[in-house]
Amino acid sequence: MDIRKLVKEMDGMVAEGAIVDAVEKFFANSAETSDYNQVTTKNKGQMIEKMTGFTGAIANVNGITLHNTLVDGNVSASEFTFDFKMKDDSSIYWHEIIKRVWNDDGQVIFEEYFNA
């Protein structure tokens, strides 16, 4: 399994704003997530629900920039900047590192977010 190729494809989808589609395509059913606010998901369905709710609250995508990606064995780390205008008129500007652990089938089994 070529993790570099999978990471490039997934990061490309995220950079285009297809975040829910990326989760649907690349997450294992048992994938877990954790973020810097201590919010966790315990499976793919929960993550899809979380991301669907989040993306549904976005009024405008000002920009999503992929800065760097590292791959070491079955672990990847991708650095992004997310800039959103939300429907509640707030703004979100995140510079974060997304660490992913991949299984041998080319699916994400763990994803963790770090505020960069």
Protein backbone atom coordinates (compact mmCIF):
# COMPACT_ATOMS: atom_id res chain seq x y z
CA MET A 1 0.00 0.00 0.00
CA ASP A 2 1.46 3.36 -1.05
CA ILE A 3 0.63 5.59 1.91
CA ARG A 4 2.21 8.63 0.22
CA LYS A 5 -0.19 8.33 -2.71
CA LEU A 6 -3.20 7.92 -0.40
CA VAL A 7 -2.17 10.89 1.75
CA LYS A 8 -1.72 13.05 -1.34
CA GLU A 9 -5.19 12.11 -2.60
CA MET A 10 -6.85 12.64 0.79
CA ASP A 11 -5.08 15.95 1.41
CA GLY A 12 -6.09 17.07 -2.09
CA MET A 13 -9.73 16.37 -1.30
CA VAL A 14 -9.50 18.26 1.99
CA ALA A 15 -7.80 21.21 0.27
CA GLU A 16 -10.70 21.34 -2.20
CA GLY A 17 -13.19 21.44 0.67
CA ALA A 18 -14.43 17.87 0.19
CA ILE A 19 -13.81 17.05 3.85
CA VAL A 20 -16.82 14.76 4.36
CA ASP A 21 -16.04 12.91 1.12
CA ALA A 22 -12.43 12.39 2.28
CA VAL A 23 -13.65 10.86 5.55
CA GLU A 24 -16.11 8.63 3.71
CA LYS A 25 -13.43 7.41 1.30
CA PHE A 26 -10.39 7.00 3.54
CA PHE A 27 -11.56 6.27 7.10
CA ALA A 28 -11.88 2.72 8.40
CA ASN A 29 -15.23 2.00 10.06
CA SER A 30 -13.52 1.80 13.46
CA ALA A 31 -11.41 4.98 12.99
CA GLU A 32 -11.07 7.23 16.03
CA THR A 33 -10.24 10.94 16.19
CA SER A 34 -9.07 13.38 18.83
CA ASP A 35 -8.55 17.13 18.70
CA TYR A 36 -6.83 19.76 20.83
CA ASN A 37 -10.17 20.66 22.46
CA GLN A 38 -10.54 17.07 23.76
CA VAL A 39 -13.37 16.31 21.32
CA THR A 40 -13.24 12.70 20.16
CA THR A 41 -15.07 10.41 17.78
CA LYS A 42 -15.09 6.63 18.15
CA ASN A 43 -15.95 5.51 14.60
CA LYS A 44 -16.33 6.63 11.00
CA GLY A 45 -20.06 7.33 11.39
CA GLN A 46 -19.46 9.74 14.26
CA MET A 47 -16.75 11.54 12.29
CA ILE A 48 -19.00 11.86 9.23
CA GLU A 49 -21.74 13.29 11.46
CA LYS A 50 -19.29 15.74 13.08
CA MET A 51 -17.84 16.92 9.75
CA THR A 52 -21.27 17.15 8.09
CA GLY A 53 -22.46 19.42 10.90
CA PHE A 54 -19.29 21.51 10.77
CA THR A 55 -19.22 21.95 6.99
CA GLY A 56 -22.95 22.72 6.99
CA ALA A 57 -22.24 25.69 9.26
CA ILE A 58 -19.76 27.25 6.79
CA ALA A 59 -21.08 30.24 4.83
CA ASN A 60 -17.91 30.82 2.81
CA VAL A 61 -14.57 29.09 2.38
CA ASN A 62 -12.02 31.90 2.24
CA GLY A 63 -9.23 29.41 1.78
CA ILE A 64 -7.82 25.99 2.59
CA THR A 65 -4.07 25.73 2.15
CA LEU A 66 -1.97 22.59 2.39
CA HIS A 67 1.52 23.65 3.44
CA ASN A 68 3.46 20.43 4.04
CA THR A 69 3.01 16.71 4.35
CA LEU A 70 5.28 14.13 5.97
CA VAL A 71 4.98 10.36 5.78
CA ASP A 72 6.92 7.90 7.93
CA GLY A 73 5.85 4.30 7.64
CA ASN A 74 2.11 4.15 8.32
CA VAL A 75 1.95 7.62 9.93
CA SER A 76 1.38 10.90 8.09
CA ALA A 77 1.29 14.51 9.22
CA SER A 78 -0.26 17.25 7.10
CA GLU A 79 -0.07 20.97 7.84
CA PHE A 80 -3.08 23.02 6.78
CA THR A 81 -4.49 26.52 7.20
CA PHE A 82 -8.29 26.71 7.19
CA ASP A 83 -10.03 30.07 6.77
CA PHE A 84 -13.85 30.02 7.00
CA LYS A 85 -16.66 32.52 7.36
CA MET A 86 -19.42 30.80 9.32
CA LYS A 87 -23.19 31.16 8.94
CA ASP A 88 -23.38 32.68 12.43
CA ASP A 89 -21.15 35.50 11.11
CA SER A 90 -18.11 34.31 13.07
CA SER A 91 -14.77 33.57 11.44
CA ILE A 92 -12.56 30.52 11.87
CA TYR A 93 -8.87 30.64 11.08
CA TRP A 94 -7.03 27.44 12.00
CA HIS A 95 -3.42 26.55 11.39
CA GLU A 96 -3.25 22.89 12.29
CA ILE A 97 -1.33 19.67 11.92
CA ILE A 98 -3.37 16.57 11.15
CA LYS A 99 -1.66 13.34 12.21
CA ARG A 100 -3.05 10.15 10.71
CA VAL A 101 -2.28 6.50 11.37
CA TRP A 102 -3.05 4.20 8.43
CA ASN A 103 -3.76 0.47 8.43
CA ASP A 104 -2.40 -2.05 5.93
CA ASP A 105 -5.58 -1.71 3.85
CA GLY A 106 -4.88 1.99 3.21
CA GLN A 107 -7.49 3.32 5.61
CA VAL A 108 -7.13 5.88 8.38
CA ILE A 109 -7.56 4.22 11.77
CA PHE A 110 -6.66 7.24 13.92
CA GLU A 111 -6.59 10.96 13.24
CA GLU A 112 -5.44 13.64 15.67
CA TYR A 113 -5.46 17.42 15.29
CA PHE A 114 -2.83 19.77 16.69
CA ASN A 115 -3.19 23.54 16.80
CA ALA A 116 -0.03 24.75 15.07
